[in-house]
Amino acid sequence: MRIENISVRQHESHTEVSGKIGKFPLWFKYSLGHATNDEDATSFLIAALTPAMLLGEELIIDDRYYVSEKVFNNLPLIQTVINCWNPVFKKITVHARTSAALPGKTGCAAFFSSGVDSLYTLVKHQQEIDQLILINGFDFNADPTAWDAMIRRSQRIAEIYAKRLIVVETNLKEFNSFFNLSRFANFGATLATIAQLLDFKTVLVNSADTYERIFASGSHPLLDPLWSTEVCGIVHTGLEADRAKKIQLIKDHPDALNNLWFCLKDPNANCGKCSKCIRTYIALKLNGVDDFPFSSPVQISDIAKVPIDNAEILSFFEKFRILASESHHDIERQLRKLILEYKIKTFLKDIDTYLFNSRIQLWRRSRLNAQSELTNISVLPRYTDELMLDKTFRDLALGSTVESKVLSSSIFQARTFD
């Protein structure tokens, strides 16, 4: 896999950076005022590493460009961690010219979405943070109307806290999806890719985990700092507080609480129906916030209907149950039902695995057809990973080039960000 054709173009309203990774055209558009060196391929190296590991291909950076010596020296450890989590990602060789850049960047920025994690970071570190980074094309591809609503909400919060909002558009989500990677497989690397394009000494990445329970993820307190260069440090922050404790801090700042947005379905409001809305509803109730506006009122009985898909989601609800046992017994009862159902399913699955050598699961998969259970490859292995890898190779063989299809209508065409 080659990295080549990197270009930086200054437009009236924004900077545009693009390059070729293999056959895929990766691009970024962002607010003016951030120096970008068109000879520095570090961002493209960070974005390309996980896909190259998945394919088991050497990564070759054209000699016209250089990469951070610090990041390059961290690549063996980064690859060891990712390969240890999921062996479908192979260790590869990276060929690149390196350079130890001289410090010169200033300021501190934080990734921002108006969600619980990012608002907590802003409130807690408001004295350190200069600017907030809002991205379209990272974990969602919002249409122009939804994207405009998200920008207006984030701009409102930025002005309240006297911060500058940096708007970034990219096709990184499309890039990761092209290789059939889940958002969590390349999560931290995707953020680090953008951090290294911008002109900051420090960039804060918001944690969803806590020191008590840290799960394997593409954004991880072990991995994220390893993407730091000589001039820009990546800091994984927020591990000291779970979701309920983050709400506890946010509720004392009405301007932040009134602009809190976390919904999986509606970019303009919080729907009250999706799993993330209900999880946050619990955290709000446990902190005495009873009047938070949802589009559809949440009922206590809705809690037991939320799916628990993995141990990380389970940890949210187990912590909620402990907190609810003190004074919210109606919430605790619903959480007990939800957790018990998940643990029964897990127990039955373990019995099948250890007593019957997974025969029931194999029978079920044969009845369903493995193709129907295909899901994108993440940092933890699934039995369909090899099938998805085969699909990726087939997709790559279809043509010599790929065209990006996202964000044909950019917000920068209609607005200038000062």
Protein backbone atom coordinates (compact mmCIF):
# COMPACT_ATOMS: atom_id res chain seq x y z
CA MET A 1 0.00 0.00 0.00
CA ARG A 2 1.46 3.35 -1.08
CA ILE A 3 0.92 6.87 0.27
CA GLU A 4 1.36 9.50 -2.44
CA ASN A 5 -0.04 12.59 -4.20
CA ILE A 6 -0.37 14.69 -1.04
CA SER A 7 -1.50 18.26 -1.73
CA VAL A 8 -2.49 21.29 0.36
CA ARG A 9 -4.75 23.92 -1.20
CA GLN A 10 -5.85 27.19 0.39
CA HIS A 11 -9.37 28.33 -0.50
CA GLU A 12 -11.16 31.52 0.47
CA SER A 13 -13.09 29.81 3.28
CA HIS A 14 -11.00 26.76 4.17
CA THR A 15 -7.90 24.61 3.74
CA GLU A 16 -8.15 21.39 1.75
CA VAL A 17 -5.66 18.54 2.18
CA SER A 18 -5.78 15.39 0.09
CA GLY A 19 -3.67 12.35 -0.70
CA LYS A 20 -3.81 8.84 -2.07
CA ILE A 21 -3.64 5.76 0.20
CA GLY A 22 -3.51 2.73 -2.04
CA LYS A 23 -6.34 3.31 -4.49
CA PHE A 24 -8.38 5.44 -2.07
CA PRO A 25 -8.44 9.29 -2.21
CA LEU A 26 -8.42 10.56 1.39
CA TRP A 27 -9.27 14.24 1.93
CA PHE A 28 -9.88 16.86 4.62
CA LYS A 29 -11.41 20.33 4.62
CA TYR A 30 -11.08 22.55 7.66
CA SER A 31 -11.25 26.13 8.92
CA LEU A 32 -8.55 28.54 7.85
CA GLY A 33 -5.69 29.49 10.16
CA HIS A 34 -3.87 26.19 10.58
CA ALA A 35 -0.50 25.61 8.96
CA THR A 36 -0.15 22.33 7.07
CA ASN A 37 3.10 21.13 5.51
CA ASP A 38 2.53 19.35 2.20
CA GLU A 39 5.75 17.37 2.72
CA ASP A 40 4.57 15.88 6.04
CA ALA A 41 2.79 12.55 5.51
CA THR A 42 2.41 11.70 9.21
CA SER A 43 -1.39 12.09 9.19
CA PHE A 44 -1.73 9.81 6.18
CA LEU A 45 0.57 7.22 7.79
CA ILE A 46 -1.60 7.20 10.94
CA ALA A 47 -4.78 6.76 8.89
CA ALA A 48 -3.29 4.00 6.73
CA LEU A 49 -1.62 1.79 9.34
CA THR A 50 -4.63 -0.25 10.49
CA PRO A 51 -5.96 -0.91 6.94
CA ALA A 52 -2.46 -1.96 5.84
CA MET A 53 -2.19 -4.29 8.84
CA LEU A 54 -5.56 -5.80 7.95
CA LEU A 55 -4.39 -6.52 4.41
CA GLY A 56 -0.93 -7.61 5.56
CA GLU A 57 0.68 -5.19 3.09
CA GLU A 58 3.85 -3.17 3.46
CA LEU A 59 3.20 0.54 3.81
CA ILE A 60 5.35 2.67 1.50
CA ILE A 61 5.48 6.46 1.77
CA ASP A 62 6.73 8.25 -1.33
CA ASP A 63 10.24 9.70 -0.82
CA ARG A 64 8.96 13.22 -1.49
CA TYR A 65 7.39 13.14 1.97
CA TYR A 66 8.59 12.51 5.51
CA VAL A 67 6.88 11.25 8.66
CA SER A 68 7.43 12.04 12.33
CA GLU A 69 10.41 10.14 13.66
CA LYS A 70 8.65 9.78 17.02
CA VAL A 71 5.53 8.21 15.50
CA PHE A 72 7.65 5.99 13.25
CA ASN A 73 9.59 4.69 16.26
CA ASN A 74 6.30 3.95 18.06
CA LEU A 75 4.90 1.85 15.19
CA PRO A 76 6.26 -1.51 16.46
CA LEU A 77 4.51 -1.06 19.84
CA ILE A 78 1.29 0.21 18.23
CA GLN A 79 1.24 -2.83 15.94
CA THR A 80 2.00 -5.21 18.81
CA VAL A 81 -0.99 -3.92 20.80
CA ILE A 82 -3.42 -4.09 17.85
CA ASN A 83 -2.19 -7.53 16.77
CA CYS A 84 -2.48 -8.81 20.35
CA TRP A 85 -6.12 -7.71 20.51
CA ASN A 86 -7.02 -9.18 17.12
CA PRO A 87 -4.53 -11.29 15.11
CA VAL A 88 -6.44 -10.55 11.89
CA PHE A 89 -4.31 -7.38 11.92
CA LYS A 90 -0.82 -8.51 10.89
CA LYS A 91 2.43 -6.75 11.78
CA ILE A 92 3.82 -5.04 8.71
CA THR A 93 6.89 -3.12 7.55
CA VAL A 94 6.65 0.63 6.98
CA HIS A 95 9.06 2.30 4.55
CA ALA A 96 9.35 6.04 5.13
CA ARG A 97 11.78 8.93 5.36
CA THR A 98 11.66 10.33 8.91
CA SER A 99 12.27 13.74 10.42
CA ALA A 100 12.25 15.01 13.98
CA ALA A 101 10.31 18.26 13.61
CA LEU A 102 11.29 21.20 15.80
CA PRO A 103 8.68 22.31 18.37
CA GLY A 104 6.75 25.35 17.27
CA LYS A 105 3.06 24.67 17.67
CA THR A 106 1.10 26.33 20.46
CA GLY A 107 -2.29 26.06 22.13
CA CYS A 108 -4.59 23.26 23.20
CA ALA A 109 -7.63 21.88 21.38
CA ALA A 110 -10.20 19.23 22.25
CA PHE A 111 -12.39 17.09 20.02
CA PHE A 112 -15.97 18.15 20.52
CA SER A 113 -19.43 16.82 19.66
CA SER A 114 -21.64 18.37 22.39
CA GLY A 115 -21.91 14.92 23.98
CA VAL A 116 -21.35 13.97 27.60
CA ASP A 117 -17.66 13.08 27.22
CA SER A 118 -16.69 16.17 25.22
CA LEU A 119 -18.73 18.60 27.36
CA TYR A 120 -17.14 17.15 30.47
CA THR A 121 -13.68 17.71 28.95
CA LEU A 122 -14.57 21.30 28.03
CA VAL A 123 -15.95 22.17 31.46
CA LYS A 124 -13.10 20.51 33.35
CA HIS A 125 -10.29 21.83 31.15
CA GLN A 126 -11.80 25.14 30.07
CA GLN A 127 -8.75 27.08 31.30
CA GLU A 128 -6.41 25.01 29.12
CA ILE A 129 -8.48 24.60 25.96
CA ASP A 130 -8.25 27.27 23.25
CA GLN A 131 -10.25 25.65 20.46
CA LEU A 132 -12.82 22.90 19.85
CA ILE A 133 -12.71 20.49 16.90
CA LEU A 134 -16.01 19.33 15.37
CA ILE A 135 -15.81 16.65 12.65
CA ASN A 136 -18.20 15.45 9.97
CA GLY A 137 -17.05 12.18 8.41
CA PHE A 138 -15.55 10.64 11.54
CA ASP A 139 -18.27 8.53 13.16
CA PHE A 140 -21.15 9.88 11.06
CA ASN A 141 -21.73 11.42 7.64
CA ALA A 142 -24.30 14.12 8.34
CA ASP A 143 -26.19 15.65 5.42
CA PRO A 144 -25.82 19.43 4.94
CA THR A 145 -28.97 20.27 6.96
CA ALA A 146 -28.02 18.10 9.93
CA TRP A 147 -24.38 19.21 9.71
CA ASP A 148 -25.41 22.85 9.78
CA ALA A 149 -27.52 22.21 12.91
CA MET A 150 -24.58 20.52 14.62
CA ILE A 151 -22.27 23.40 13.75
CA ARG A 152 -24.71 25.99 15.09
CA ARG A 153 -25.11 24.12 18.38
CA SER A 154 -21.34 23.69 18.80
CA GLN A 155 -20.68 27.30 17.80
CA ARG A 156 -23.14 28.43 20.47
CA ILE A 157 -21.25 26.49 23.16
CA ALA A 158 -17.87 27.66 21.84
CA GLU A 159 -18.99 31.30 22.14
CA ILE A 160 -20.31 30.76 25.67
CA TYR A 161 -16.92 29.42 26.74
CA ALA A 162 -14.94 31.88 24.59
CA LYS A 163 -13.38 29.18 22.41
CA ARG A 164 -12.88 29.05 18.66
CA LEU A 165 -14.69 26.28 16.81
CA ILE A 166 -12.74 24.42 14.13
CA VAL A 167 -14.96 22.69 11.60
CA VAL A 168 -13.51 19.64 9.83
CA GLU A 169 -15.01 17.68 6.96
CA THR A 170 -13.41 14.45 5.81
CA ASN A 171 -14.08 11.11 4.17
CA LEU A 172 -12.24 9.15 6.87
CA LYS A 173 -15.40 7.22 7.79
CA GLU A 174 -15.84 6.25 4.15
CA PHE A 175 -12.13 5.31 4.02
CA ASN A 176 -12.43 3.00 7.03
CA SER A 177 -15.68 1.51 5.74
CA PHE A 178 -14.05 0.78 2.38
CA PHE A 179 -11.73 -1.63 4.24
CA ASN A 180 -14.70 -3.02 6.22
CA LEU A 181 -13.33 -1.64 9.48
CA SER A 182 -15.65 -0.71 12.34
CA ARG A 183 -15.43 2.78 13.80
CA PHE A 184 -13.76 1.35 16.91
CA ALA A 185 -10.98 -0.39 14.95
CA ASN A 186 -9.45 2.90 13.79
CA PHE A 187 -11.11 5.28 16.27
CA GLY A 188 -8.10 6.87 17.98
CA ALA A 189 -5.99 6.81 14.82
CA THR A 190 -8.74 8.68 12.97
CA LEU A 191 -8.73 11.43 15.60
CA ALA A 192 -4.92 11.51 15.68
CA THR A 193 -4.88 11.86 11.89
CA ILE A 194 -6.86 15.10 12.19
CA ALA A 195 -4.96 16.29 15.27
CA GLN A 196 -1.67 16.10 13.40
CA LEU A 197 -3.04 18.18 10.51
CA LEU A 198 -3.86 21.11 12.79
CA ASP A 199 -1.59 23.62 14.42
CA PHE A 200 -1.69 22.67 18.13
CA LYS A 201 0.81 21.68 20.76
CA THR A 202 -1.75 19.53 22.62
CA VAL A 203 -4.98 17.84 21.52
CA LEU A 204 -7.33 16.18 24.02
CA VAL A 205 -9.15 12.95 23.12
CA ASN A 206 -12.22 12.22 25.25
CA SER A 207 -12.41 8.85 26.99
CA ALA A 208 -15.62 6.83 27.34
CA ASP A 209 -13.97 4.35 29.74
CA THR A 210 -12.73 4.76 33.31
CA TYR A 211 -9.59 3.71 35.15
CA GLU A 212 -11.74 1.08 36.82
CA ARG A 213 -12.63 -0.58 33.51
CA ILE A 214 -10.64 0.05 30.36
CA PHE A 215 -11.67 -1.95 27.31
CA ALA A 216 -9.80 -2.76 24.11
CA SER A 217 -10.66 -0.05 21.60
CA GLY A 218 -9.11 1.89 18.75
CA SER A 219 -9.09 4.87 21.12
CA HIS A 220 -7.29 3.73 24.25
CA PRO A 221 -5.11 5.38 26.92
CA LEU A 222 -2.27 3.07 25.87
CA LEU A 223 -2.55 3.73 22.13
CA ASP A 224 -3.60 7.38 21.77
CA PRO A 225 -0.41 8.95 23.23
CA LEU A 226 1.69 6.81 20.85
CA TRP A 227 0.35 8.91 17.95
CA SER A 228 2.02 12.01 19.43
CA THR A 229 4.71 13.70 17.33
CA GLU A 230 7.61 15.89 18.40
CA VAL A 231 5.36 18.95 18.07
CA CYS A 232 1.84 17.76 18.91
CA GLY A 233 0.95 15.65 21.93
CA ILE A 234 -2.20 13.50 21.99
CA VAL A 235 -3.73 13.22 25.48
CA HIS A 236 -6.40 10.64 26.35
CA THR A 237 -8.44 12.31 29.07
CA GLY A 238 -11.50 11.77 31.30
CA LEU A 239 -10.75 8.31 32.71
CA GLU A 240 -11.37 9.51 36.27
CA ALA A 241 -15.15 9.84 35.76
CA ASP A 242 -17.88 7.52 34.51
CA ARG A 243 -20.96 8.81 32.69
CA ALA A 244 -22.87 9.60 35.87
CA LYS A 245 -19.94 11.54 37.37
CA LYS A 246 -19.50 13.47 34.15
CA ILE A 247 -23.16 14.49 34.26
CA GLN A 248 -22.62 15.48 37.90
CA LEU A 249 -20.08 18.08 36.77
CA ILE A 250 -22.02 19.20 33.69
CA LYS A 251 -25.29 19.82 35.57
CA ASP A 252 -23.62 22.58 37.59
CA HIS A 253 -23.02 24.45 34.32
CA PRO A 254 -26.49 25.24 32.88
CA ASP A 255 -25.11 26.53 29.57
CA ALA A 256 -23.41 23.20 28.99
CA LEU A 257 -26.35 21.11 30.19
CA ASN A 258 -28.83 23.02 28.00
CA ASN A 259 -26.75 22.26 24.92
CA LEU A 260 -26.05 18.60 25.69
CA TRP A 261 -26.63 16.37 22.65
CA PHE A 262 -25.96 12.63 22.57
CA CYS A 263 -28.65 11.09 20.35
CA LEU A 264 -27.87 8.35 17.83
CA LYS A 265 -30.79 9.27 15.57
CA ASP A 266 -31.60 12.98 15.60
CA PRO A 267 -28.92 15.68 15.02
CA ASN A 268 -31.31 18.42 16.16
CA ALA A 269 -32.55 16.96 19.45
CA ASN A 270 -32.37 13.94 21.76
CA CYS A 271 -34.99 11.44 20.61
CA GLY A 272 -35.55 9.65 23.94
CA LYS A 273 -35.82 6.28 22.17
CA CYS A 274 -32.33 5.18 21.15
CA SER A 275 -30.01 3.31 23.51
CA LYS A 276 -27.69 6.26 24.03
CA CYS A 277 -30.59 8.53 24.96
CA ILE A 278 -31.83 6.04 27.53
CA ARG A 279 -28.34 5.50 28.99
CA THR A 280 -27.91 9.25 29.39
CA TYR A 281 -31.44 9.57 30.79
CA ILE A 282 -30.40 7.21 33.60
CA ALA A 283 -27.27 9.26 34.34
CA LEU A 284 -29.33 12.45 34.39
CA LYS A 285 -31.96 10.96 36.74
CA LEU A 286 -29.28 9.67 39.09
CA ASN A 287 -27.96 13.22 39.32
CA GLY A 288 -31.35 14.74 40.06
CA VAL A 289 -31.93 16.16 36.57
CA ASP A 290 -35.61 15.32 36.05
CA ASP A 291 -36.62 17.92 33.45
CA PHE A 292 -34.11 17.34 30.65
CA PRO A 293 -36.00 17.73 27.33
CA PHE A 294 -36.31 14.62 25.13
CA SER A 295 -38.35 14.61 21.92
CA SER A 296 -40.26 11.61 23.28
CA PRO A 297 -40.57 11.32 27.07
CA VAL A 298 -38.53 8.43 28.47
CA GLN A 299 -40.31 6.00 30.76
CA ILE A 300 -38.59 4.07 33.55
CA SER A 301 -39.83 0.85 31.92
CA ASP A 302 -37.85 1.73 28.74
CA ILE A 303 -34.62 0.97 30.59
CA ALA A 304 -35.16 -2.80 30.55
CA LYS A 305 -35.61 -2.71 26.76
CA VAL A 306 -32.13 -1.37 25.96
CA PRO A 307 -29.90 -3.99 24.32
CA ILE A 308 -26.62 -4.90 26.00
CA ASP A 309 -24.25 -6.00 23.27
CA ASN A 310 -20.96 -6.44 25.10
CA ALA A 311 -19.09 -6.19 28.38
CA GLU A 312 -18.34 -2.50 27.86
CA ILE A 313 -22.04 -1.59 27.63
CA LEU A 314 -22.71 -3.92 30.58
CA SER A 315 -20.24 -1.94 32.68
CA PHE A 316 -22.30 1.25 32.18
CA PHE A 317 -25.43 -0.39 33.52
CA GLU A 318 -23.70 -2.19 36.41
CA LYS A 319 -22.33 1.12 37.66
CA PHE A 320 -25.75 2.73 37.21
CA ARG A 321 -27.33 -0.09 39.25
CA ILE A 322 -24.95 0.50 42.17
CA LEU A 323 -25.74 4.22 42.15
CA ALA A 324 -29.49 3.63 41.76
CA SER A 325 -29.56 1.28 44.76
CA GLU A 326 -29.03 4.25 47.07
CA SER A 327 -32.17 6.22 46.26
CA HIS A 328 -33.67 5.28 42.87
CA HIS A 329 -35.13 1.84 43.49
CA ASP A 330 -37.47 2.00 40.49
CA ILE A 331 -34.47 2.47 38.18
CA GLU A 332 -32.54 -0.23 40.05
CA ARG A 333 -35.32 -2.78 39.44
CA GLN A 334 -35.27 -2.14 35.69
CA LEU A 335 -31.49 -2.34 35.60
CA ARG A 336 -31.55 -5.65 37.47
CA LYS A 337 -33.87 -7.11 34.82
CA LEU A 338 -31.67 -5.86 32.01
CA ILE A 339 -28.42 -7.10 33.54
CA LEU A 340 -29.90 -10.47 34.53
CA GLU A 341 -31.12 -11.10 30.99
CA TYR A 342 -27.68 -10.35 29.56
CA LYS A 343 -25.92 -12.55 32.12
CA ILE A 344 -28.27 -15.47 31.47
CA LYS A 345 -27.53 -15.24 27.75
CA THR A 346 -23.80 -15.05 28.45
CA PHE A 347 -24.01 -17.99 30.87
CA LEU A 348 -25.79 -20.17 28.30
CA LYS A 349 -23.25 -19.19 25.67
CA ASP A 350 -20.39 -20.14 28.04
CA ILE A 351 -22.00 -23.52 28.78
CA ASP A 352 -22.17 -24.17 25.04
CA THR A 353 -18.54 -23.07 24.59
CA TYR A 354 -16.98 -25.04 27.44
CA LEU A 355 -19.25 -28.10 27.70
CA PHE A 356 -20.41 -28.59 24.12
CA ASN A 357 -17.47 -27.12 22.21
CA SER A 358 -19.70 -24.36 20.77
CA ARG A 359 -21.88 -26.87 18.90
CA ILE A 360 -25.09 -24.93 19.55
CA GLN A 361 -23.54 -21.73 18.24
CA LEU A 362 -22.15 -23.56 15.20
CA TRP A 363 -25.57 -25.11 14.53
CA ARG A 364 -27.25 -21.72 14.84
CA ARG A 365 -24.72 -20.14 12.49
CA SER A 366 -25.22 -22.91 9.95
CA ARG A 367 -28.97 -22.29 10.06
CA LEU A 368 -28.62 -18.52 9.75
CA ASN A 369 -25.81 -18.56 7.18
CA ALA A 370 -22.64 -16.79 8.32
CA GLN A 371 -23.12 -14.16 5.60
CA SER A 372 -26.17 -12.84 7.44
CA GLU A 373 -24.06 -12.17 10.55
CA LEU A 374 -21.24 -10.33 8.82
CA THR A 375 -20.12 -7.21 10.63
CA ASN A 376 -17.19 -4.87 10.15
CA ILE A 377 -13.86 -5.90 11.68
CA SER A 378 -13.02 -4.39 15.07
CA VAL A 379 -10.21 -4.63 17.62
CA LEU A 380 -11.64 -7.81 19.16
CA PRO A 381 -11.95 -10.93 16.97
CA ARG A 382 -15.23 -12.34 15.66
CA TYR A 383 -15.75 -15.56 13.79
CA THR A 384 -16.74 -13.61 10.66
CA ASP A 385 -13.46 -11.63 10.47
CA GLU A 386 -11.92 -13.88 7.82
CA LEU A 387 -15.10 -13.66 5.73
CA MET A 388 -14.98 -9.88 5.94
CA LEU A 389 -11.29 -9.89 5.06
CA ASP A 390 -12.06 -11.99 1.97
CA LYS A 391 -14.77 -9.49 1.05
CA THR A 392 -12.26 -6.63 1.41
CA PHE A 393 -9.82 -8.31 -0.97
CA ARG A 394 -12.63 -8.89 -3.46
CA ASP A 395 -13.68 -5.23 -3.24
CA LEU A 396 -10.08 -4.10 -3.79
CA ALA A 397 -9.81 -6.26 -6.89
CA LEU A 398 -12.79 -4.64 -8.59
CA GLY A 399 -10.98 -1.59 -9.97
CA SER A 400 -7.78 0.40 -10.08
CA THR A 401 -9.22 3.56 -8.47
CA VAL A 402 -11.93 4.56 -6.01
CA GLU A 403 -14.01 7.73 -6.01
CA SER A 404 -15.09 9.38 -2.77
CA LYS A 405 -18.87 9.77 -2.63
CA VAL A 406 -19.43 11.71 0.60
CA LEU A 407 -20.00 15.39 1.35
CA SER A 408 -20.51 16.52 -2.22
CA SER A 409 -22.14 19.62 -0.71
CA SER A 410 -19.68 21.16 1.73
CA ILE A 411 -20.67 23.58 4.48
CA PHE A 412 -17.68 25.69 3.45
CA GLN A 413 -19.45 26.62 0.23
CA ALA A 414 -22.01 28.57 2.22
CA ARG A 415 -20.17 29.87 5.26
CA THR A 416 -16.81 31.24 6.33
CA PHE A 417 -15.50 30.35 9.79
CA ASP A 418 -13.48 33.08 11.50
